[in-house]
Amino acid sequence: MSSRSALRRSLVALTFAAAVVPVAGSPATAAAAAVTPPIHLYDLSRHDSVKPRTFAVTQHDGLSALHWAHWGAKTQTGTGTMRINDCTPSCAEGHIRVLPGAHLQVRGTRVDQGRRYYRQYRITHPAFTLQESRMYSQWTNAYVPSDFS
C-alpha cells in the first residue's frame, strides 16, 4: 500500500469521525441533552415539579416565588421567600415571619417510580434564628412519591 493511499484513508477516517462525534453546542449535542430525563423535586404537599416555584417544608412553613438560574446539575440553588409560622398560641393564630432572599439548595439524585428526584435539600437565610437554622439549614432527605404510598 502506498503512503498516498494510507494518507487518503486516514483523512477519510478523520472526516467520518468528525461528522459522527457531536461538538459542544451542535444540534447533535442539543438533541442528546433533550432526551436526558429531568430531575424532579417533591415536597410535603406532594407537589412534583421541575424548577418548582413553591416548596412546602412543613404544613405551615415553605418557600414561594422561587427562581432558579439553572436546573439539572448535581447541586442547584433557588432563591425565594420563606414563610415561617411560629404557631403561637396555635398554628391557626400564629405569627408568620416573611423572609425574602431565602436559598433552597438541592443535591444528589435518586430514582423513584421511574423518575429522577433530588435526594436532599436545605434552606438558608442570614436572618434565621438558631432554632430555625437547626430546623432548616441541615441537609434533609427530600420526599419522593413512594414516601406517601
N, C-alpha and C. Protein backbone atom coordinates (compact mmCIF):
# COMPACT_ATOMS: atom_id res chain seq x y z
N MET A 1 0.85 -1.17 0.00
CA MET A 1 0.00 0.00 0.00
C MET A 1 0.90 1.24 0.00
N SER A 2 0.57 2.18 -0.82
CA SER A 2 1.38 3.37 -0.92
C SER A 2 1.08 4.32 0.23
N SER A 3 2.01 5.20 0.51
CA SER A 3 1.80 6.17 1.59
C SER A 3 0.68 7.14 1.24
N ARG A 4 0.50 7.37 -0.08
CA ARG A 4 -0.58 8.27 -0.50
C ARG A 4 -1.95 7.66 -0.20
N SER A 5 -2.18 6.38 -0.43
CA SER A 5 -3.48 5.76 -0.14
C SER A 5 -3.68 5.63 1.37
N ALA A 6 -2.60 5.42 2.10
CA ALA A 6 -2.72 5.37 3.57
C ALA A 6 -3.12 6.74 4.10
N LEU A 7 -2.57 7.79 3.55
CA LEU A 7 -2.93 9.15 3.95
C LEU A 7 -4.39 9.44 3.60
N ARG A 8 -4.81 9.01 2.41
CA ARG A 8 -6.19 9.22 1.98
C ARG A 8 -7.15 8.49 2.94
N ARG A 9 -6.86 7.27 3.31
CA ARG A 9 -7.70 6.51 4.23
C ARG A 9 -7.75 7.19 5.60
N SER A 10 -6.65 7.72 6.05
CA SER A 10 -6.61 8.43 7.34
C SER A 10 -7.49 9.67 7.29
N LEU A 11 -7.43 10.41 6.19
CA LEU A 11 -8.26 11.60 6.05
C LEU A 11 -9.74 11.24 5.99
N VAL A 12 -10.09 10.17 5.30
CA VAL A 12 -11.48 9.73 5.24
C VAL A 12 -11.95 9.33 6.64
N ALA A 13 -11.12 8.61 7.39
CA ALA A 13 -11.49 8.19 8.75
C ALA A 13 -11.67 9.40 9.66
N LEU A 14 -10.79 10.38 9.58
CA LEU A 14 -10.90 11.58 10.39
C LEU A 14 -12.15 12.38 10.03
N THR A 15 -12.45 12.50 8.75
CA THR A 15 -13.65 13.21 8.31
C THR A 15 -14.90 12.52 8.83
N PHE A 16 -14.94 11.20 8.76
CA PHE A 16 -16.08 10.44 9.27
C PHE A 16 -16.22 10.62 10.78
N ALA A 17 -15.11 10.55 11.50
CA ALA A 17 -15.16 10.72 12.96
C ALA A 17 -15.66 12.10 13.33
N ALA A 18 -15.23 13.11 12.61
CA ALA A 18 -15.68 14.48 12.89
C ALA A 18 -17.17 14.63 12.63
N ALA A 19 -17.68 13.91 11.65
CA ALA A 19 -19.11 14.01 11.33
C ALA A 19 -19.96 13.27 12.35
N VAL A 20 -19.40 12.22 12.98
CA VAL A 20 -20.16 11.39 13.90
C VAL A 20 -20.11 11.92 15.33
N VAL A 21 -18.97 12.43 15.78
CA VAL A 21 -18.81 12.89 17.15
C VAL A 21 -19.41 14.28 17.30
N PRO A 22 -20.40 14.46 18.19
CA PRO A 22 -21.01 15.78 18.33
C PRO A 22 -20.07 16.77 19.01
N VAL A 23 -20.15 17.98 18.59
CA VAL A 23 -19.36 19.07 19.15
C VAL A 23 -20.26 19.85 20.09
N ALA A 24 -19.69 20.32 21.21
CA ALA A 24 -20.48 21.10 22.16
C ALA A 24 -21.19 22.25 21.44
N GLY A 25 -22.49 22.37 21.71
CA GLY A 25 -23.28 23.42 21.10
C GLY A 25 -23.87 23.04 19.75
N SER A 26 -23.51 21.84 19.25
CA SER A 26 -24.05 21.41 17.97
C SER A 26 -25.46 20.86 18.14
N PRO A 27 -26.22 20.75 17.06
CA PRO A 27 -27.56 20.18 17.16
C PRO A 27 -27.56 18.77 17.74
N ALA A 28 -26.53 17.96 17.43
CA ALA A 28 -26.46 16.60 17.97
C ALA A 28 -26.32 16.63 19.49
N THR A 29 -25.51 17.56 20.02
CA THR A 29 -25.37 17.69 21.47
C THR A 29 -26.67 18.16 22.10
N ALA A 30 -27.35 19.10 21.46
CA ALA A 30 -28.63 19.59 21.98
C ALA A 30 -29.66 18.48 21.99
N ALA A 31 -29.67 17.63 20.95
CA ALA A 31 -30.62 16.52 20.90
C ALA A 31 -30.33 15.51 22.00
N ALA A 32 -29.05 15.24 22.27
CA ALA A 32 -28.70 14.31 23.34
C ALA A 32 -29.12 14.87 24.69
N ALA A 33 -28.94 16.17 24.90
CA ALA A 33 -29.33 16.79 26.16
C ALA A 33 -30.84 16.80 26.32
N ALA A 34 -31.57 16.92 25.21
CA ALA A 34 -33.02 16.99 25.28
C ALA A 34 -33.63 15.67 25.73
N VAL A 35 -32.96 14.55 25.51
CA VAL A 35 -33.51 13.26 25.91
C VAL A 35 -33.12 12.88 27.33
N THR A 36 -32.26 13.63 27.98
CA THR A 36 -31.90 13.36 29.37
C THR A 36 -33.12 13.64 30.23
N PRO A 37 -33.56 12.64 31.01
CA PRO A 37 -34.76 12.87 31.82
C PRO A 37 -34.53 13.96 32.86
N PRO A 38 -35.52 14.81 33.09
CA PRO A 38 -35.36 15.90 34.06
C PRO A 38 -35.30 15.37 35.49
N ILE A 39 -34.76 16.19 36.37
CA ILE A 39 -34.75 15.85 37.79
C ILE A 39 -35.92 16.59 38.43
N HIS A 40 -36.72 15.88 39.18
CA HIS A 40 -37.90 16.44 39.83
C HIS A 40 -37.60 16.75 41.29
N LEU A 41 -38.44 17.58 41.88
CA LEU A 41 -38.39 17.85 43.31
C LEU A 41 -39.80 17.66 43.84
N TYR A 42 -39.91 16.92 44.94
CA TYR A 42 -41.20 16.57 45.53
C TYR A 42 -41.22 17.16 46.93
N ASP A 43 -42.33 17.78 47.31
CA ASP A 43 -42.36 18.40 48.64
C ASP A 43 -43.47 17.79 49.49
N LEU A 44 -43.62 18.32 50.69
CA LEU A 44 -44.58 17.78 51.64
C LEU A 44 -46.02 17.85 51.13
N SER A 45 -46.32 18.81 50.28
CA SER A 45 -47.68 18.93 49.75
C SER A 45 -47.91 17.96 48.59
N ARG A 46 -46.92 17.11 48.33
CA ARG A 46 -46.96 16.12 47.24
C ARG A 46 -46.96 16.79 45.88
N HIS A 47 -46.31 17.93 45.83
CA HIS A 47 -46.18 18.70 44.58
C HIS A 47 -44.92 18.23 43.88
N ASP A 48 -45.08 17.66 42.70
CA ASP A 48 -43.97 17.11 41.91
C ASP A 48 -43.70 18.06 40.76
N SER A 49 -42.50 18.64 40.71
CA SER A 49 -42.23 19.57 39.62
C SER A 49 -40.75 19.65 39.28
N VAL A 50 -40.49 20.26 38.15
CA VAL A 50 -39.15 20.60 37.70
C VAL A 50 -39.05 22.11 37.83
N LYS A 51 -38.00 22.60 38.45
CA LYS A 51 -37.83 24.03 38.73
C LYS A 51 -39.07 24.59 39.45
N PRO A 52 -39.38 24.06 40.62
CA PRO A 52 -40.61 24.48 41.30
C PRO A 52 -40.62 25.96 41.68
N ARG A 53 -41.79 26.55 41.67
CA ARG A 53 -41.97 27.94 42.11
C ARG A 53 -42.27 27.99 43.60
N THR A 54 -42.76 26.85 44.18
CA THR A 54 -43.05 26.77 45.61
C THR A 54 -42.45 25.48 46.15
N PHE A 55 -42.24 25.45 47.47
CA PHE A 55 -41.71 24.25 48.11
C PHE A 55 -42.23 24.23 49.55
N ALA A 56 -43.09 23.25 49.88
CA ALA A 56 -43.65 23.12 51.22
C ALA A 56 -42.69 22.31 52.09
N VAL A 57 -42.28 22.91 53.21
CA VAL A 57 -41.34 22.25 54.11
C VAL A 57 -42.10 21.54 55.23
N THR A 58 -43.08 22.21 55.79
CA THR A 58 -43.97 21.63 56.79
C THR A 58 -45.39 22.00 56.37
N GLN A 59 -46.35 21.65 57.20
CA GLN A 59 -47.72 22.03 56.88
C GLN A 59 -47.92 23.53 56.97
N HIS A 60 -47.02 24.23 57.67
CA HIS A 60 -47.20 25.66 57.91
C HIS A 60 -46.06 26.53 57.36
N ASP A 61 -44.96 25.92 56.95
CA ASP A 61 -43.79 26.67 56.51
C ASP A 61 -43.41 26.27 55.08
N GLY A 62 -42.90 27.23 54.33
CA GLY A 62 -42.47 26.91 52.98
C GLY A 62 -41.93 28.10 52.23
N LEU A 63 -41.53 27.84 51.03
CA LEU A 63 -40.96 28.85 50.14
C LEU A 63 -41.90 29.12 48.98
N SER A 64 -41.90 30.36 48.53
CA SER A 64 -42.69 30.76 47.37
C SER A 64 -41.83 31.66 46.49
N ALA A 65 -42.32 31.92 45.29
CA ALA A 65 -41.64 32.80 44.33
C ALA A 65 -40.20 32.36 44.09
N LEU A 66 -40.00 31.03 44.02
CA LEU A 66 -38.65 30.51 43.78
C LEU A 66 -38.21 30.79 42.34
N HIS A 67 -36.95 31.18 42.20
CA HIS A 67 -36.32 31.39 40.90
C HIS A 67 -35.05 30.57 40.87
N TRP A 68 -34.85 29.88 39.75
CA TRP A 68 -33.68 29.02 39.56
C TRP A 68 -32.91 29.51 38.35
N ALA A 69 -31.61 29.72 38.51
CA ALA A 69 -30.80 30.14 37.36
C ALA A 69 -30.60 28.96 36.41
N HIS A 70 -30.46 27.76 36.95
CA HIS A 70 -30.23 26.56 36.17
C HIS A 70 -31.01 25.42 36.81
N TRP A 71 -31.04 24.29 36.15
CA TRP A 71 -31.71 23.11 36.72
C TRP A 71 -31.11 21.87 36.11
N GLY A 72 -30.92 20.84 36.93
CA GLY A 72 -30.45 19.57 36.43
C GLY A 72 -29.04 19.19 36.84
N ALA A 73 -28.28 20.11 37.41
CA ALA A 73 -26.93 19.77 37.86
C ALA A 73 -27.00 18.99 39.18
N LYS A 74 -25.87 18.49 39.63
CA LYS A 74 -25.85 17.71 40.87
C LYS A 74 -26.32 18.52 42.07
N THR A 75 -26.01 19.81 42.08
CA THR A 75 -26.44 20.71 43.15
C THR A 75 -27.03 21.95 42.51
N GLN A 76 -28.17 22.39 43.01
CA GLN A 76 -28.85 23.58 42.49
C GLN A 76 -29.26 24.48 43.65
N THR A 77 -29.37 25.77 43.40
CA THR A 77 -29.84 26.71 44.40
C THR A 77 -30.91 27.60 43.79
N GLY A 78 -32.05 27.66 44.47
CA GLY A 78 -33.13 28.55 44.08
C GLY A 78 -33.29 29.62 45.15
N THR A 79 -33.75 30.79 44.77
CA THR A 79 -33.96 31.88 45.72
C THR A 79 -35.43 32.26 45.72
N GLY A 80 -35.97 32.42 46.93
CA GLY A 80 -37.38 32.77 47.06
C GLY A 80 -37.68 33.36 48.42
N THR A 81 -38.95 33.38 48.76
CA THR A 81 -39.40 33.95 50.04
C THR A 81 -39.82 32.82 50.97
N MET A 82 -39.22 32.79 52.15
CA MET A 82 -39.55 31.78 53.17
C MET A 82 -40.61 32.36 54.09
N ARG A 83 -41.64 31.57 54.35
CA ARG A 83 -42.67 31.95 55.31
C ARG A 83 -42.64 30.93 56.44
N ILE A 84 -42.48 31.43 57.67
CA ILE A 84 -42.40 30.56 58.84
C ILE A 84 -43.50 30.97 59.81
N ASN A 85 -44.35 30.01 60.18
CA ASN A 85 -45.43 30.25 61.14
C ASN A 85 -44.93 29.80 62.51
N ASP A 86 -44.94 30.70 63.51
CA ASP A 86 -44.44 30.33 64.84
C ASP A 86 -45.46 29.50 65.63
N CYS A 87 -46.68 29.36 65.09
CA CYS A 87 -47.73 28.54 65.70
C CYS A 87 -47.99 28.89 67.18
N THR A 88 -47.88 30.16 67.51
CA THR A 88 -48.13 30.62 68.88
C THR A 88 -49.30 31.59 68.87
N PRO A 89 -50.34 31.37 69.59
CA PRO A 89 -50.61 30.28 70.54
C PRO A 89 -51.03 28.99 69.84
N SER A 90 -51.44 29.07 68.56
CA SER A 90 -51.73 27.88 67.76
C SER A 90 -51.31 28.21 66.33
N CYS A 91 -51.24 27.20 65.49
CA CYS A 91 -50.84 27.46 64.10
C CYS A 91 -51.88 28.31 63.37
N ALA A 92 -53.14 28.17 63.74
CA ALA A 92 -54.19 28.98 63.12
C ALA A 92 -54.05 30.45 63.50
N GLU A 93 -53.51 30.73 64.69
CA GLU A 93 -53.38 32.11 65.17
C GLU A 93 -51.93 32.59 65.20
N GLY A 94 -51.03 31.78 64.67
CA GLY A 94 -49.61 32.10 64.75
C GLY A 94 -49.19 33.29 63.91
N HIS A 95 -48.05 33.84 64.26
CA HIS A 95 -47.45 34.95 63.53
C HIS A 95 -46.61 34.37 62.40
N ILE A 96 -46.75 34.91 61.20
CA ILE A 96 -45.97 34.43 60.06
C ILE A 96 -44.81 35.37 59.80
N ARG A 97 -43.63 34.81 59.86
CA ARG A 97 -42.41 35.55 59.59
C ARG A 97 -42.09 35.40 58.11
N VAL A 98 -41.88 36.52 57.42
CA VAL A 98 -41.61 36.51 55.98
C VAL A 98 -40.15 36.90 55.75
N LEU A 99 -39.43 36.02 55.06
CA LEU A 99 -38.00 36.23 54.83
C LEU A 99 -37.68 36.14 53.34
N PRO A 100 -37.70 37.27 52.63
CA PRO A 100 -37.30 37.23 51.22
C PRO A 100 -35.81 36.93 51.11
N GLY A 101 -35.41 36.34 50.00
CA GLY A 101 -33.98 36.06 49.77
C GLY A 101 -33.50 34.77 50.40
N ALA A 102 -34.41 33.87 50.75
CA ALA A 102 -34.02 32.56 51.29
C ALA A 102 -33.51 31.68 50.14
N HIS A 103 -32.56 30.82 50.44
CA HIS A 103 -31.97 29.93 49.44
C HIS A 103 -32.38 28.49 49.71
N LEU A 104 -32.96 27.85 48.71
CA LEU A 104 -33.27 26.43 48.76
C LEU A 104 -32.21 25.73 47.93
N GLN A 105 -31.42 24.89 48.60
CA GLN A 105 -30.38 24.14 47.90
C GLN A 105 -30.83 22.68 47.82
N VAL A 106 -30.64 22.07 46.66
CA VAL A 106 -30.95 20.66 46.47
C VAL A 106 -29.71 19.97 45.93
N ARG A 107 -29.58 18.68 46.26
CA ARG A 107 -28.40 17.95 45.78
C ARG A 107 -28.69 16.45 45.69
N GLY A 108 -27.83 15.78 44.94
CA GLY A 108 -27.94 14.34 44.78
C GLY A 108 -29.22 13.93 44.08
N THR A 109 -29.24 12.73 43.55
CA THR A 109 -30.46 12.25 42.91
C THR A 109 -30.73 10.81 43.34
N ARG A 110 -31.98 10.44 43.20
CA ARG A 110 -32.40 9.06 43.39
C ARG A 110 -33.58 8.81 42.45
N VAL A 111 -33.84 7.57 42.15
CA VAL A 111 -34.92 7.21 41.24
C VAL A 111 -36.06 6.63 42.05
N ASP A 112 -37.27 7.10 41.77
CA ASP A 112 -38.48 6.59 42.40
C ASP A 112 -39.56 6.54 41.34
N GLN A 113 -40.18 5.39 41.21
CA GLN A 113 -41.26 5.19 40.24
C GLN A 113 -40.86 5.63 38.83
N GLY A 114 -39.60 5.35 38.47
CA GLY A 114 -39.12 5.62 37.13
C GLY A 114 -38.69 7.05 36.85
N ARG A 115 -38.74 7.93 37.84
CA ARG A 115 -38.33 9.33 37.66
C ARG A 115 -37.15 9.63 38.57
N ARG A 116 -36.34 10.60 38.11
CA ARG A 116 -35.23 11.06 38.95
C ARG A 116 -35.71 12.21 39.83
N TYR A 117 -35.30 12.16 41.10
CA TYR A 117 -35.66 13.20 42.08
C TYR A 117 -34.40 13.65 42.81
N TYR A 118 -34.39 14.94 43.19
CA TYR A 118 -33.31 15.39 44.06
C TYR A 118 -33.44 14.68 45.40
N ARG A 119 -32.31 14.26 45.95
CA ARG A 119 -32.28 13.44 47.16
C ARG A 119 -32.37 14.26 48.45
N GLN A 120 -31.73 15.41 48.50
CA GLN A 120 -31.69 16.19 49.74
C GLN A 120 -31.91 17.68 49.47
N TYR A 121 -32.32 18.37 50.54
CA TYR A 121 -32.49 19.82 50.44
C TYR A 121 -32.09 20.46 51.77
N ARG A 122 -31.84 21.76 51.69
CA ARG A 122 -31.69 22.59 52.89
C ARG A 122 -32.05 24.01 52.51
N ILE A 123 -32.43 24.78 53.53
CA ILE A 123 -32.82 26.18 53.31
C ILE A 123 -31.93 27.04 54.19
N THR A 124 -31.41 28.10 53.63
CA THR A 124 -30.57 29.01 54.40
C THR A 124 -31.06 30.44 54.25
N HIS A 125 -30.85 31.20 55.31
CA HIS A 125 -31.15 32.63 55.30
C HIS A 125 -30.36 33.27 56.44
N PRO A 126 -29.72 34.42 56.21
CA PRO A 126 -28.92 35.05 57.27
C PRO A 126 -29.73 35.48 58.49
N ALA A 127 -31.04 35.68 58.33
CA ALA A 127 -31.86 36.14 59.46
C ALA A 127 -32.50 34.98 60.24
N PHE A 128 -32.16 33.73 59.89
CA PHE A 128 -32.70 32.61 60.66
C PHE A 128 -32.25 32.69 62.10
N THR A 129 -33.16 32.37 63.02
CA THR A 129 -32.78 32.24 64.42
C THR A 129 -31.97 30.94 64.54
N LEU A 130 -31.36 30.71 65.69
CA LEU A 130 -30.60 29.49 65.91
C LEU A 130 -31.52 28.27 65.74
N GLN A 131 -32.72 28.35 66.28
CA GLN A 131 -33.68 27.25 66.16
C GLN A 131 -34.07 27.00 64.70
N GLU A 132 -34.29 28.07 63.93
CA GLU A 132 -34.64 27.93 62.51
C GLU A 132 -33.48 27.35 61.72
N SER A 133 -32.26 27.77 62.04
CA SER A 133 -31.09 27.21 61.36
C SER A 133 -30.98 25.72 61.62
N ARG A 134 -31.20 25.33 62.87
CA ARG A 134 -31.14 23.89 63.19
C ARG A 134 -32.23 23.12 62.46
N MET A 135 -33.39 23.74 62.30
CA MET A 135 -34.51 23.06 61.68
C MET A 135 -34.41 22.99 60.16
N TYR A 136 -33.94 24.06 59.52
CA TYR A 136 -34.00 24.14 58.07
C TYR A 136 -32.65 24.05 57.34
N SER A 137 -31.56 24.40 58.00
CA SER A 137 -30.28 24.53 57.30
C SER A 137 -29.45 23.26 57.27
N GLN A 138 -29.93 22.19 57.89
CA GLN A 138 -29.24 20.90 57.82
C GLN A 138 -29.73 20.16 56.57
N TRP A 139 -28.85 19.42 55.93
CA TRP A 139 -29.28 18.63 54.77
C TRP A 139 -30.32 17.63 55.25
N THR A 140 -31.46 17.61 54.57
CA THR A 140 -32.60 16.77 54.93
C THR A 140 -33.00 15.95 53.71
N ASN A 141 -33.40 14.71 53.93
CA ASN A 141 -33.85 13.88 52.81
C ASN A 141 -35.13 14.46 52.23
N ALA A 142 -35.14 14.62 50.94
CA ALA A 142 -36.33 15.13 50.23
C ALA A 142 -37.32 13.98 50.06
N TYR A 143 -38.58 14.34 49.93
CA TYR A 143 -39.62 13.34 49.71
C TYR A 143 -39.62 12.85 48.28
N VAL A 144 -40.14 11.66 48.09
CA VAL A 144 -40.44 11.10 46.77
C VAL A 144 -41.84 10.51 46.85
N PRO A 145 -42.51 10.28 45.72
CA PRO A 145 -43.88 9.78 45.76
C PRO A 145 -44.10 8.53 46.61
N SER A 146 -43.16 7.59 46.59
CA SER A 146 -43.36 6.34 47.34
C SER A 146 -43.34 6.57 48.86
N ASP A 147 -42.86 7.74 49.31
CA ASP A 147 -42.92 8.04 50.75
C ASP A 147 -44.36 8.17 51.24
N PHE A 148 -45.29 8.41 50.33
CA PHE A 148 -46.68 8.62 50.69
C PHE A 148 -47.58 7.45 50.30
N SER A 149 -46.98 6.37 49.80
CA SER A 149 -47.77 5.21 49.38
C SER A 149 -48.11 4.31 50.55
